[in-house]
Amino acid sequence: MINAVKIPKYYYVHPITLSNSQVQSLKNRAGIHGINIQVLELHFDGHNGDHLLVYSEIGEEVYLVAIGTHSDLFRK
């Protein structure tokens, strides 16, 4: 939900797990400490799509984490 507007189900918004260092980096950039954050992934082209927007809602703020395809963002 962004600005009290629910994101349509078509975009398949769901939580993802980041490494501890990725979470800490996000917290440092946002200047927040001592709270847990949830990172969400949104598929621009629906549930089976591969174009992603990764973001985190912290309080009333929305932080962009990354944009790209699964292979761009989660290459091992």
Protein backbone atom coordinates (compact mmCIF):
# COMPACT_ATOMS: atom_id res chain seq x y z
CA MET A 1 0.00 0.00 0.00
CA ILE A 2 1.46 3.34 -1.02
CA ASN A 3 -0.19 6.62 0.06
CA ALA A 4 -3.13 4.56 1.38
CA VAL A 5 -3.76 3.20 -2.14
CA LYS A 6 -3.75 -0.56 -2.34
CA ILE A 7 -1.54 -1.96 -5.11
CA PRO A 8 -3.58 -4.18 -7.49
CA LYS A 9 -3.07 -7.96 -7.11
CA TYR A 10 -1.94 -8.12 -10.74
CA TYR A 11 1.50 -6.84 -9.65
CA TYR A 12 1.99 -9.80 -7.27
CA VAL A 13 3.47 -7.82 -4.38
CA HIS A 14 5.19 -10.19 -1.95
CA PRO A 15 7.91 -10.05 0.71
CA ILE A 16 11.44 -11.17 -0.11
CA THR A 17 14.37 -12.02 2.11
CA LEU A 18 17.57 -10.00 1.84
CA SER A 19 20.89 -10.80 3.44
CA ASN A 20 21.71 -9.14 6.76
CA SER A 21 24.24 -6.89 5.01
CA GLN A 22 21.64 -5.81 2.43
CA VAL A 23 19.14 -4.98 5.18
CA GLN A 24 21.78 -3.09 7.16
CA SER A 25 22.78 -1.11 4.09
CA LEU A 26 19.15 -0.13 3.49
CA LYS A 27 18.73 0.91 7.13
CA ASN A 28 21.92 2.98 7.00
CA ARG A 29 20.83 4.77 3.83
CA ALA A 30 17.40 5.44 5.35
CA GLY A 31 18.93 6.59 8.65
CA ILE A 32 16.85 4.17 10.72
CA HIS A 33 17.93 1.88 13.51
CA GLY A 34 16.33 -0.44 16.01
CA ILE A 35 13.30 -1.47 13.93
CA ASN A 36 12.68 -4.39 11.62
CA ILE A 37 11.93 -3.66 8.00
CA GLN A 38 10.11 -5.69 5.39
CA VAL A 39 11.26 -5.62 1.80
CA LEU A 40 8.68 -6.19 -0.91
CA GLU A 41 8.95 -7.16 -4.56
CA LEU A 42 6.47 -6.01 -7.21
CA HIS A 43 6.21 -7.59 -10.69
CA PHE A 44 5.55 -4.88 -13.31
CA ASP A 45 4.17 -7.46 -15.73
CA GLY A 46 2.09 -9.64 -13.43
CA HIS A 47 2.68 -12.81 -11.44
CA ASN A 48 4.77 -14.57 -14.09
CA GLY A 49 6.63 -11.46 -15.20
CA ASP A 50 10.33 -10.90 -14.77
CA HIS A 51 10.52 -7.11 -14.45
CA LEU A 52 10.73 -6.25 -10.77
CA LEU A 53 10.64 -3.26 -8.49
CA VAL A 54 12.04 -4.02 -5.03
CA TYR A 55 11.07 -1.57 -2.30
CA SER A 56 10.60 -1.19 1.43
CA GLU A 57 7.90 0.68 3.29
CA ILE A 58 9.25 2.14 6.53
CA GLY A 59 6.63 4.09 8.39
CA GLU A 60 5.20 6.52 5.88
CA GLU A 61 8.28 6.44 3.65
CA VAL A 62 8.84 4.19 0.63
CA TYR A 63 12.44 3.33 -0.29
CA LEU A 64 13.45 2.00 -3.68
CA VAL A 65 15.85 -0.91 -3.25
CA ALA A 66 16.32 -2.05 -6.86
CA ILE A 67 14.77 -2.33 -10.31
CA GLY A 68 15.57 -5.10 -12.81
CA THR A 69 14.92 -8.68 -13.82
CA HIS A 70 15.32 -11.66 -11.48
CA SER A 71 18.62 -12.57 -13.12
CA ASP A 72 19.88 -8.96 -12.85
CA LEU A 73 18.99 -8.66 -9.18
CA PHE A 74 19.46 -12.14 -7.75
CA ARG A 75 22.42 -13.50 -9.69
CA LYS A 76 24.45 -15.82 -7.50
